[in-house]
Amino acid sequence: MKLNLENLSKANEKVDKKVSYDVKQLREDSIRDPKWLAFGSGNIFRAYIARIGQDLVNEGYFDRGISVVETFDTEIIEKTYKPFDNLCLSVTLHKDGNFDTNLIANLAESLTLKDLERITEIFLNDNLQIASFTITEKGYNLYAPNGELMDVVKADLENDPEDSKHLMSIVTSLLYKRFSKNEKPLTLLSLDNCSENGDKVKASIMLIAKKWNENGKVNDDFIKYLEEKVSFPLTMIDKITPRPASEVKKYVENLGFEDMDIVVTSKNTYTAPFVNSEESEYLVMEDDFKNGRPDFTKVGVFLTDRDTVNKVETMKVTTCLNPLHTVLATYGCVLGHTTIAEEMQDEDLVKLIKKIGYDEGLKVVVDPGIINPKDFIDEVINVRFPNKFMPDTPQRIATDTSQKISVRFGQTIKGYIKDKDLKVEDLKFIPLALAGYLRYLLGVNDEGEAFELSSDPLMDYLKESLDGITLGNFKVTEGLKDILRNKEIFGLDLEEVGLDKIVTDYFEELSAGPGSVRATLEKYLG
């Protein structure tokens, strides 16, 4: 059976969580009068955001589907949306081995930036409530690694708004068109897993708008409109949605679905007509919606104030999940592990993440009130990471690590600096995590064999800085010192705060020769 609208009723019989609404009518209403436009069509969008939207429709709390726009990799739309009439199978992988399958049918239309005329139409609809984003943190960035604006952004700032090429410029241009037509309010809702995500969207939009204003391309009232009638709520999202797994492919095929092949696009995106994700999920939103919203609380979303979102985000990203993930990623690659669940059978790594989370991180974490930090770590370590049915890999998690460390570890170090009852020099295991990252960058596993480093925008700089350091031949180079002083990577100068020596000493031990990573972990965690 093919997954398409023609077989919708048959497909509905095969899944655990069924569609209870008139799909054809929902799509017609949503295309005629769209209320939710989503930029970014990847796995987290379909596995979580689209499903939340569908839950709202199924329960009668929302009357529209979602128009989705892929902004980076058009093959996702061409190969896993269009051929399946925008339907998707979302499979939840439980720790006990049970799978739940959800038929996602509320994606009213799938577009790319080539469909700008239709996207503009949607943006100009008076009743549009939300333009959401799942485009990763890089999607909001306007700057090149050298600190200057990207060339494409420079060109956008000089050209007319309608000629924009960077997504943030395109969105700003769409906002200007909405302002010019009706001045109707709107909410730009970042649902990306990064700190202060709403502020990042706002900063990019405002920079572009103000530069256009300076250049006489938009008027002062547009700036006022952005400041008063457009909101950029903060959100915290947490749900692991790894690449589609071959085991899940077999599972949905056994349900009777055909053509469930996993696709690897030319941009190296792993996608499929299905998505797989863990059972645990959290979404916390700042309740600041300018043109209305569905009642997200009915489907498990926390709606709260800005300060609470910040606290939850800080709790997760700096203590309870993300730092532990990064440790498993870098050490996992060096120790030859291929899944996160497999690493949770490694006693040394489990001891290390427990030391970092419970012993060092919890001392400075702020309790957000709506989610208990210790309970959160308990779930991460005892339920989420050990789930062998979650095919997540350290290699995937290690992607862009240089962009993550400043928040995932730097914030805890800053917490120790600020707390008069704590001493930075008492930190022993976060420095071991940082040294593990440097050891990972050598690109050689603990057996002395080369492995492929995950992509990172600073990889050339990092490799160049560590030039001269090899397994069995460690020395403190100027390049290494430069990395340790790099505030962009660590969030602070490790030399300045007195952590450079312990990180360097650990790095030297980890690099002594084959087997030295395991020996070092056993030495300090045994």
Protein backbone atom coordinates (compact mmCIF):
# COMPACT_ATOMS: atom_id res chain seq x y z
CA MET A 1 0.00 0.00 0.00
CA LYS A 2 1.35 3.38 -0.99
CA LEU A 3 1.16 6.22 1.52
CA ASN A 4 -1.04 8.76 -0.26
CA LEU A 5 -4.43 10.44 -0.03
CA GLU A 6 -6.04 7.76 -2.15
CA ASN A 7 -5.16 5.17 0.50
CA LEU A 8 -5.80 7.45 3.48
CA SER A 9 -8.54 5.35 5.07
CA LYS A 10 -6.50 2.15 4.67
CA ALA A 11 -3.42 3.84 6.12
CA ASN A 12 -5.50 5.06 9.06
CA GLU A 13 -6.41 1.48 9.90
CA LYS A 14 -2.74 0.46 10.09
CA VAL A 15 -1.53 3.08 12.59
CA ASP A 16 -1.91 3.41 16.37
CA LYS A 17 -2.82 7.11 16.47
CA LYS A 18 -5.38 7.84 13.81
CA VAL A 19 -6.57 10.89 11.92
CA SER A 20 -10.07 11.82 13.11
CA TYR A 21 -10.76 14.86 10.92
CA ASP A 22 -11.69 15.46 7.29
CA VAL A 23 -8.25 15.79 5.72
CA LYS A 24 -9.53 17.13 2.41
CA GLN A 25 -11.60 19.82 4.11
CA LEU A 26 -8.78 20.78 6.46
CA ARG A 27 -6.39 21.21 3.55
CA GLU A 28 -8.86 23.28 1.55
CA ASP A 29 -9.53 25.56 4.54
CA SER A 30 -5.82 25.84 5.35
CA ILE A 31 -4.81 26.79 1.81
CA ARG A 32 -7.68 29.27 1.50
CA ASP A 33 -7.17 30.84 4.93
CA PRO A 34 -3.76 29.83 6.36
CA LYS A 35 -3.03 30.41 10.03
CA TRP A 36 0.32 28.64 10.43
CA LEU A 37 3.33 28.82 8.13
CA ALA A 38 6.38 26.75 9.05
CA PHE A 39 9.91 27.28 7.73
CA GLY A 40 11.90 24.05 7.91
CA SER A 41 10.59 20.61 6.96
CA GLY A 42 13.05 18.29 8.69
CA ASN A 43 12.68 15.46 11.17
CA ILE A 44 11.98 17.50 14.31
CA PHE A 45 9.26 19.40 12.45
CA ARG A 46 7.36 16.31 11.32
CA ALA A 47 7.99 14.22 14.44
CA TYR A 48 6.98 16.89 16.95
CA ILE A 49 5.72 20.23 15.65
CA ALA A 50 3.44 18.86 12.93
CA ARG A 51 2.22 16.21 15.34
CA ILE A 52 1.35 18.86 17.94
CA GLY A 53 -0.58 20.71 15.23
CA GLN A 54 -2.38 17.50 14.33
CA ASP A 55 -3.19 16.73 17.97
CA LEU A 56 -4.81 20.16 18.23
CA VAL A 57 -6.93 19.46 15.14
CA ASN A 58 -7.81 15.92 16.25
CA GLU A 59 -8.98 17.21 19.64
CA GLY A 60 -10.95 20.09 18.14
CA TYR A 61 -8.71 22.89 19.47
CA PHE A 62 -7.49 24.14 16.06
CA ASP A 63 -9.09 24.27 12.65
CA ARG A 64 -6.10 24.58 10.33
CA GLY A 65 -3.20 22.56 9.05
CA ILE A 66 0.31 23.84 8.44
CA SER A 67 1.88 25.18 5.26
CA VAL A 68 5.50 24.08 5.33
CA VAL A 69 8.45 25.64 3.48
CA GLU A 70 11.80 23.91 3.10
CA THR A 71 14.51 26.58 3.07
CA PHE A 72 17.73 24.60 2.68
CA ASP A 73 17.33 21.20 1.02
CA THR A 74 14.61 21.08 -1.62
CA GLU A 75 15.10 17.34 -2.12
CA ILE A 76 13.26 16.75 1.16
CA ILE A 77 10.11 18.15 -0.45
CA GLU A 78 10.72 16.55 -3.82
CA LYS A 79 11.45 13.06 -2.49
CA THR A 80 9.63 12.62 0.83
CA TYR A 81 6.74 15.09 0.77
CA LYS A 82 5.29 15.42 -2.73
CA PRO A 83 5.33 11.71 -3.69
CA PHE A 84 3.34 10.93 -0.53
CA ASP A 85 0.79 13.77 -0.79
CA ASN A 86 2.43 15.44 2.23
CA LEU A 87 1.50 12.51 4.47
CA CYS A 88 4.01 11.12 6.94
CA LEU A 89 4.35 8.26 9.39
CA SER A 90 5.71 9.39 12.75
CA VAL A 91 7.03 6.48 14.81
CA THR A 92 7.66 6.84 18.54
CA LEU A 93 10.34 4.49 19.86
CA HIS A 94 9.71 3.40 23.44
CA LYS A 95 12.43 2.07 25.72
CA ASP A 96 10.51 -1.20 26.18
CA GLY A 97 10.73 -1.88 22.45
CA ASN A 98 7.17 -0.95 21.53
CA PHE A 99 6.62 1.38 18.59
CA ASP A 100 3.66 3.76 18.23
CA THR A 101 2.85 4.97 14.73
CA ASN A 102 1.07 8.22 14.07
CA LEU A 103 -0.31 9.18 10.65
CA ILE A 104 0.51 12.87 10.13
CA ALA A 105 -1.97 14.39 7.66
CA ASN A 106 -2.22 18.07 8.62
CA LEU A 107 0.52 19.36 6.31
CA ALA A 108 -1.69 21.30 3.92
CA GLU A 109 1.00 22.13 1.37
CA SER A 110 4.76 21.74 0.97
CA LEU A 111 6.78 24.52 -0.62
CA THR A 112 10.31 25.70 -1.27
CA LEU A 113 11.65 29.23 -1.57
CA LYS A 114 11.01 28.95 -5.31
CA ASP A 115 7.32 29.20 -4.38
CA LEU A 116 7.78 32.75 -3.12
CA GLU A 117 4.56 33.96 -4.70
CA ARG A 118 2.53 31.46 -2.68
CA ILE A 119 4.58 32.12 0.47
CA THR A 120 3.86 35.83 0.06
CA GLU A 121 0.15 35.05 -0.33
CA ILE A 122 0.23 33.18 2.96
CA PHE A 123 2.14 35.96 4.69
CA LEU A 124 -0.41 38.53 3.57
CA ASN A 125 -3.36 36.60 4.97
CA ASP A 126 -4.99 38.65 7.75
CA ASN A 127 -5.60 35.52 9.85
CA LEU A 128 -2.04 34.21 9.73
CA GLN A 129 -1.11 33.72 13.39
CA ILE A 130 2.29 32.03 13.37
CA ALA A 131 5.36 31.80 11.19
CA SER A 132 7.46 29.14 12.91
CA PHE A 133 11.05 28.03 12.34
CA THR A 134 12.85 24.71 12.62
CA ILE A 135 15.89 25.66 10.55
CA THR A 136 18.68 25.13 13.15
CA GLU A 137 20.57 27.96 14.79
CA LYS A 138 22.69 28.44 11.67
CA GLY A 139 19.58 29.56 9.79
CA TYR A 140 19.39 32.79 11.80
CA ASN A 141 23.07 33.62 11.54
CA LEU A 142 24.05 36.60 9.40
CA TYR A 143 27.79 36.48 10.04
CA ALA A 144 30.74 34.72 8.43
CA PRO A 145 33.38 33.00 10.64
CA ASN A 146 35.57 36.13 10.39
CA GLY A 147 32.94 38.17 12.24
CA GLU A 148 31.78 40.15 9.22
CA LEU A 149 28.35 39.95 7.65
CA MET A 150 28.09 37.22 5.03
CA ASP A 151 28.41 38.39 1.45
CA VAL A 152 24.84 37.32 0.72
CA VAL A 153 23.61 39.45 3.63
CA LYS A 154 25.71 42.43 2.55
CA ALA A 155 24.13 42.16 -0.91
CA ASP A 156 20.63 41.90 0.61
CA LEU A 157 21.19 45.06 2.64
CA GLU A 158 22.21 46.98 -0.48
CA ASN A 159 19.54 45.56 -2.78
CA ASP A 160 15.78 46.07 -2.69
CA PRO A 161 13.94 43.93 -0.11
CA GLU A 162 12.09 41.90 -2.76
CA ASP A 163 15.46 40.74 -4.18
CA SER A 164 16.56 39.16 -0.90
CA LYS A 165 18.42 35.83 -0.88
CA HIS A 166 19.20 35.03 2.78
CA LEU A 167 16.20 33.55 4.60
CA MET A 168 16.21 36.21 7.32
CA SER A 169 16.18 38.92 4.66
CA ILE A 170 13.36 37.15 2.82
CA VAL A 171 11.31 36.95 6.02
CA THR A 172 11.97 40.64 6.75
CA SER A 173 10.81 41.48 3.23
CA LEU A 174 7.65 39.40 3.76
CA LEU A 175 7.00 41.26 7.01
CA TYR A 176 7.35 44.54 5.15
CA LYS A 177 4.77 43.39 2.62
CA ARG A 178 2.42 42.41 5.45
CA PHE A 179 2.95 45.75 7.11
CA SER A 180 2.35 47.61 3.84
CA LYS A 181 -0.87 45.70 3.13
CA ASN A 182 -2.64 45.62 6.46
CA GLU A 183 -0.27 46.15 9.42
CA LYS A 184 -1.71 42.98 10.90
CA PRO A 185 0.28 41.57 13.82
CA LEU A 186 2.16 38.29 13.64
CA THR A 187 4.26 35.95 15.78
CA LEU A 188 7.60 34.60 14.59
CA LEU A 189 8.05 31.43 16.62
CA SER A 190 11.47 29.83 16.71
CA LEU A 191 11.22 26.15 17.64
CA ASP A 192 14.90 25.44 17.23
CA ASN A 193 17.01 23.85 19.91
CA CYS A 194 19.18 26.83 20.78
CA SER A 195 19.35 29.30 23.64
CA GLU A 196 17.38 32.55 23.35
CA ASN A 197 16.06 31.40 19.99
CA GLY A 198 13.38 34.08 19.69
CA ASP A 199 15.92 36.79 20.41
CA LYS A 200 18.17 35.41 17.68
CA VAL A 201 15.37 35.71 15.12
CA LYS A 202 14.53 39.20 16.32
CA ALA A 203 18.15 40.37 16.23
CA SER A 204 18.57 39.27 12.61
CA ILE A 205 15.23 40.69 11.47
CA MET A 206 15.82 44.02 13.22
CA LEU A 207 19.36 44.38 11.90
CA ILE A 208 18.16 43.93 8.34
CA ALA A 209 15.10 46.15 8.77
CA LYS A 210 17.06 48.99 10.38
CA LYS A 211 19.73 48.86 7.68
CA TRP A 212 17.04 49.02 5.00
CA ASN A 213 15.54 51.93 6.89
CA GLU A 214 18.89 53.73 6.90
CA ASN A 215 19.13 53.11 3.15
CA GLY A 216 15.64 54.52 2.57
CA LYS A 217 14.15 51.20 1.47
CA VAL A 218 11.62 50.95 4.32
CA ASN A 219 10.04 53.68 6.41
CA ASP A 220 10.18 54.40 10.13
CA ASP A 221 6.69 53.04 10.70
CA PHE A 222 7.86 49.61 9.63
CA ILE A 223 10.43 49.57 12.43
CA LYS A 224 7.68 50.61 14.84
CA TYR A 225 5.46 47.82 13.48
CA LEU A 226 8.18 45.22 14.12
CA GLU A 227 8.71 46.50 17.64
CA GLU A 228 5.03 46.70 18.58
CA LYS A 229 3.05 44.24 16.46
CA VAL A 230 5.46 41.38 15.80
CA SER A 231 6.48 39.05 18.64
CA PHE A 232 9.47 36.76 18.89
CA PRO A 233 8.70 34.41 21.80
CA LEU A 234 11.38 32.35 23.46
CA THR A 235 10.84 28.60 23.41
CA MET A 236 12.59 25.51 24.75
CA ILE A 237 12.17 22.37 22.70
CA ASP A 238 13.49 18.97 23.64
CA LYS A 239 12.85 15.80 21.69
CA ILE A 240 15.48 13.62 20.07
CA THR A 241 14.65 12.90 16.44
CA PRO A 242 17.57 11.06 14.86
CA ARG A 243 17.98 10.04 11.26
CA PRO A 244 15.38 7.58 9.96
CA ALA A 245 16.44 4.08 10.98
CA SER A 246 16.49 0.93 8.86
CA GLU A 247 14.80 -0.95 11.72
CA VAL A 248 11.90 1.50 11.62
CA LYS A 249 11.78 1.24 7.83
CA LYS A 250 11.24 -2.53 8.18
CA TYR A 251 8.62 -1.92 10.85
CA VAL A 252 6.46 0.40 8.71
CA GLU A 253 6.91 -1.91 5.72
CA ASN A 254 5.62 -4.76 7.86
CA LEU A 255 2.56 -2.62 8.59
CA GLY A 256 1.92 -2.75 4.85
CA PHE A 257 3.41 0.51 3.58
CA GLU A 258 5.44 0.57 0.34
CA ASP A 259 8.26 2.81 -0.91
CA MET A 260 9.57 3.59 2.57
CA ASP A 261 13.16 3.97 1.40
CA ILE A 262 15.55 6.17 3.37
CA VAL A 263 16.83 8.99 1.17
CA VAL A 264 20.22 10.66 1.48
CA THR A 265 20.07 13.94 -0.43
CA SER A 266 22.91 15.60 -2.27
CA LYS A 267 23.22 17.91 0.76
CA ASN A 268 23.63 14.85 2.99
CA THR A 269 20.23 15.13 4.63
CA TYR A 270 18.84 11.80 5.82
CA THR A 271 15.11 11.75 5.25
CA ALA A 272 12.27 9.32 4.54
CA PRO A 273 8.46 9.17 4.29
CA PHE A 274 8.62 8.34 8.00
CA VAL A 275 10.32 9.91 11.02
CA ASN A 276 11.37 8.23 14.25
CA SER A 277 11.73 9.84 17.64
CA GLU A 278 11.95 9.15 21.36
CA GLU A 279 8.91 9.16 23.63
CA SER A 280 10.17 11.93 25.92
CA GLU A 281 9.37 15.46 24.78
CA TYR A 282 9.19 18.96 26.19
CA LEU A 283 8.07 22.20 24.62
CA VAL A 284 7.92 25.39 26.67
CA MET A 285 6.74 28.63 25.03
CA GLU A 286 6.70 32.23 26.11
CA ASP A 287 3.02 33.17 25.87
CA ASP A 288 3.43 36.19 23.61
CA PHE A 289 1.30 35.74 20.49
CA LYS A 290 0.15 38.92 18.74
CA ASN A 291 -2.50 37.59 16.36
CA GLY A 292 -4.00 34.72 18.31
CA ARG A 293 -2.92 31.11 18.76
CA PRO A 294 -4.37 27.66 19.36
CA ASP A 295 -4.46 26.49 22.96
CA PHE A 296 -1.15 24.65 22.97
CA THR A 297 -1.59 23.64 26.62
CA LYS A 298 -4.21 21.11 25.51
CA VAL A 299 -1.50 19.03 23.84
CA GLY A 300 1.19 19.05 26.51
CA VAL A 301 2.94 22.34 25.78
CA PHE A 302 3.90 24.63 28.66
CA LEU A 303 2.83 28.25 28.10
CA THR A 304 4.56 30.54 30.54
CA ASP A 305 6.48 33.79 30.97
CA ARG A 306 9.80 34.71 29.39
CA ASP A 307 11.84 34.26 32.55
CA THR A 308 10.60 30.70 33.08
CA VAL A 309 11.39 29.72 29.48
CA ASN A 310 14.91 31.04 30.00
CA LYS A 311 15.31 29.02 33.18
CA VAL A 312 14.09 25.82 31.55
CA GLU A 313 16.36 26.38 28.57
CA THR A 314 19.33 27.11 30.80
CA MET A 315 18.60 24.02 32.88
CA LYS A 316 18.49 21.76 29.83
CA VAL A 317 21.26 23.25 27.72
CA THR A 318 23.83 23.97 30.43
CA THR A 319 23.28 21.08 32.83
CA CYS A 320 20.68 18.40 32.36
CA LEU A 321 20.96 17.17 28.77
CA ASN A 322 23.08 18.97 26.19
CA PRO A 323 26.44 18.88 28.02
CA LEU A 324 25.98 15.18 28.68
CA HIS A 325 25.13 14.61 25.01
CA THR A 326 28.30 16.43 23.93
CA VAL A 327 30.46 14.33 26.25
CA LEU A 328 28.97 11.14 24.81
CA ALA A 329 29.45 12.50 21.30
CA THR A 330 33.14 13.38 21.48
CA TYR A 331 34.28 10.52 23.69
CA GLY A 332 31.97 8.15 21.84
CA CYS A 333 33.67 8.86 18.52
CA VAL A 334 37.13 8.38 20.02
CA LEU A 335 36.15 5.14 21.76
CA GLY A 336 34.51 3.70 18.65
CA HIS A 337 30.89 3.72 19.79
CA THR A 338 28.23 3.94 17.11
CA THR A 339 25.08 4.70 19.12
CA ILE A 340 24.28 6.75 22.20
CA ALA A 341 22.42 3.80 23.72
CA GLU A 342 25.52 1.62 23.33
CA GLU A 343 27.57 4.22 25.19
CA MET A 344 25.21 3.92 28.14
CA GLN A 345 26.66 0.41 28.61
CA ASP A 346 30.11 2.00 29.00
CA GLU A 347 30.61 2.38 32.75
CA ASP A 348 33.31 5.03 32.43
CA LEU A 349 31.19 7.29 30.24
CA VAL A 350 28.11 6.87 32.42
CA LYS A 351 30.19 7.79 35.49
CA LEU A 352 31.55 10.83 33.66
CA ILE A 353 28.18 12.25 32.63
CA LYS A 354 26.81 11.63 36.11
CA LYS A 355 29.73 13.53 37.64
CA ILE A 356 29.21 16.42 35.23
CA GLY A 357 25.42 16.51 35.62
CA TYR A 358 24.72 15.66 39.24
CA ASP A 359 27.95 16.66 40.98
CA GLU A 360 29.08 19.75 39.08
CA GLY A 361 26.13 21.06 37.05
CA LEU A 362 23.31 20.87 39.58
CA LYS A 363 25.23 23.10 42.00
CA VAL A 364 24.62 26.15 39.82
CA VAL A 365 21.44 25.27 37.90
CA VAL A 366 18.34 27.39 38.51
CA ASP A 367 15.16 25.43 39.19
CA PRO A 368 12.57 26.77 36.68
CA GLY A 369 9.68 25.63 38.83
CA ILE A 370 7.72 23.78 36.15
CA ILE A 371 10.28 20.99 35.55
CA ASN A 372 12.53 19.62 38.30
CA PRO A 373 16.22 19.60 37.22
CA LYS A 374 17.20 16.40 39.04
CA ASP A 375 14.13 14.58 37.72
CA PHE A 376 15.06 15.79 34.24
CA ILE A 377 18.60 14.37 34.51
CA ASP A 378 17.21 11.14 35.96
CA GLU A 379 15.01 10.71 32.89
CA VAL A 380 17.86 11.56 30.52
CA ILE A 381 20.29 9.06 32.07
CA ASN A 382 17.88 6.28 32.98
CA VAL A 383 15.30 6.42 30.19
CA ARG A 384 16.30 8.55 27.23
CA PHE A 385 19.96 7.87 26.51
CA PRO A 386 19.78 4.07 27.16
CA ASN A 387 16.88 3.59 24.72
CA LYS A 388 18.43 1.08 22.32
CA PHE A 389 15.62 1.65 19.86
CA MET A 390 16.76 5.26 19.39
CA PRO A 391 19.33 5.01 16.58
CA ASP A 392 21.11 8.22 17.51
CA THR A 393 24.86 8.39 16.98
CA PRO A 394 27.73 10.22 18.64
CA GLN A 395 28.85 11.21 15.16
CA ARG A 396 25.61 13.15 14.56
CA ILE A 397 25.68 14.78 17.98
CA ALA A 398 29.32 15.83 17.44
CA THR A 399 28.32 18.05 14.50
CA ASP A 400 29.09 21.77 15.07
CA THR A 401 30.46 21.16 18.57
CA SER A 402 32.50 24.38 18.47
CA GLN A 403 29.23 26.28 18.28
CA LYS A 404 27.78 24.55 21.33
CA ILE A 405 30.50 24.30 23.97
CA SER A 406 30.32 27.92 25.13
CA VAL A 407 26.76 27.37 26.31
CA ARG A 408 26.91 23.71 27.29
CA PHE A 409 29.95 24.09 29.55
CA GLY A 410 30.90 27.76 29.64
CA GLN A 411 27.72 28.76 31.46
CA THR A 412 28.34 26.32 34.30
CA ILE A 413 31.91 27.58 34.66
CA LYS A 414 30.54 31.13 34.82
CA GLY A 415 28.10 29.97 37.47
CA TYR A 416 31.00 28.80 39.61
CA ILE A 417 32.75 32.13 39.14
CA LYS A 418 29.67 34.06 40.26
CA ASP A 419 28.87 31.88 43.27
CA LYS A 420 30.91 33.01 46.28
CA ASP A 421 30.55 29.56 47.84
CA LEU A 422 32.04 27.72 44.86
CA LYS A 423 35.52 27.64 43.34
CA VAL A 424 36.32 27.14 39.66
CA GLU A 425 39.38 25.11 40.60
CA ASP A 426 37.09 22.53 42.19
CA LEU A 427 35.80 21.58 38.73
CA LYS A 428 37.37 18.28 37.69
CA PHE A 429 35.02 16.63 35.24
CA ILE A 430 33.92 19.52 33.02
CA PRO A 431 37.64 20.12 32.27
CA LEU A 432 37.89 16.40 31.44
CA ALA A 433 34.99 16.90 29.01
CA LEU A 434 36.76 19.86 27.39
CA ALA A 435 39.99 17.89 27.10
CA GLY A 436 38.01 15.04 25.54
CA TYR A 437 36.77 17.46 22.88
CA LEU A 438 40.35 18.50 22.05
CA ARG A 439 41.39 14.83 21.92
CA TYR A 440 38.46 14.16 19.55
CA LEU A 441 39.75 16.91 17.24
CA LEU A 442 42.91 14.90 16.58
CA GLY A 443 40.69 12.64 14.47
CA VAL A 444 42.29 9.45 15.77
CA ASN A 445 40.45 6.86 17.87
CA ASP A 446 41.78 5.18 21.01
CA GLU A 447 43.22 2.38 18.90
CA GLY A 448 45.30 4.87 16.95
CA GLU A 449 43.16 4.68 13.80
CA ALA A 450 41.92 7.75 11.92
CA PHE A 451 38.19 8.52 11.83
CA GLU A 452 36.15 11.18 10.08
CA LEU A 453 35.39 14.26 12.16
CA SER A 454 31.83 15.56 12.02
CA SER A 455 31.28 18.81 10.15
CA ASP A 456 31.95 22.06 11.98
CA PRO A 457 32.20 25.65 10.70
CA LEU A 458 35.47 26.16 12.65
CA MET A 459 37.07 22.87 11.69
CA ASP A 460 39.81 24.42 9.53
CA TYR A 461 40.77 26.80 12.36
CA LEU A 462 40.68 24.01 14.94
CA LYS A 463 42.82 21.63 12.88
CA GLU A 464 45.34 24.36 12.11
CA SER A 465 45.53 25.37 15.78
CA LEU A 466 46.24 21.77 16.86
CA ASP A 467 48.83 21.24 14.14
CA GLY A 468 51.91 19.61 15.64
CA ILE A 469 50.00 17.62 18.25
CA THR A 470 49.56 13.97 17.41
CA LEU A 471 48.83 10.77 19.30
CA GLY A 472 51.98 9.91 21.24
CA ASN A 473 53.54 13.28 20.48
CA PHE A 474 51.91 15.87 22.70
CA LYS A 475 53.25 19.35 23.19
CA VAL A 476 51.77 22.65 24.30
CA THR A 477 51.75 24.74 21.14
CA GLU A 478 50.78 28.34 20.57
CA GLY A 479 47.83 27.05 18.59
CA LEU A 480 46.57 25.04 21.56
CA LYS A 481 46.97 28.08 23.81
CA ASP A 482 45.01 30.13 21.29
CA ILE A 483 42.11 27.66 21.37
CA LEU A 484 42.06 27.64 25.18
CA ARG A 485 41.83 31.43 25.18
CA ASN A 486 39.07 31.49 22.56
CA LYS A 487 35.94 32.93 24.18
CA GLU A 488 33.88 32.19 21.08
CA ILE A 489 34.41 28.48 21.65
CA PHE A 490 34.39 28.15 25.43
CA GLY A 491 32.35 31.20 26.41
CA LEU A 492 35.32 32.50 28.37
CA ASP A 493 39.10 32.51 28.37
CA LEU A 494 40.14 29.25 30.07
CA GLU A 495 43.60 30.67 30.78
CA GLU A 496 42.08 33.75 32.39
CA VAL A 497 39.85 31.70 34.73
CA GLY A 498 42.61 29.23 35.61
CA LEU A 499 41.33 26.11 33.89
CA ASP A 500 43.86 25.95 31.06
CA LYS A 501 46.38 23.84 32.98
CA ILE A 502 43.99 21.12 34.08
CA VAL A 503 42.51 20.89 30.57
CA THR A 504 46.00 20.74 29.06
CA ASP A 505 47.14 18.08 31.54
CA TYR A 506 44.10 15.94 30.80
CA PHE A 507 44.61 16.44 27.05
CA GLU A 508 48.21 15.26 27.39
CA GLU A 509 47.14 12.11 29.25
CA LEU A 510 44.38 11.38 26.73
CA SER A 511 46.90 11.73 23.88
CA ALA A 512 49.74 9.63 25.31
CA GLY A 513 49.18 6.78 22.87
CA PRO A 514 46.77 3.98 21.93
CA GLY A 515 44.55 3.09 24.88
CA SER A 516 45.29 6.32 26.73
CA VAL A 517 41.71 7.60 26.54
CA ARG A 518 40.35 4.52 28.31
CA ALA A 519 43.23 4.58 30.79
CA THR A 520 42.64 8.23 31.63
CA LEU A 521 38.92 7.73 32.17
CA GLU A 522 39.57 4.75 34.43
CA LYS A 523 42.17 6.73 36.36
CA TYR A 524 39.84 9.60 37.22
CA LEU A 525 36.54 7.73 37.38
CA GLY A 526 37.58 4.40 38.81
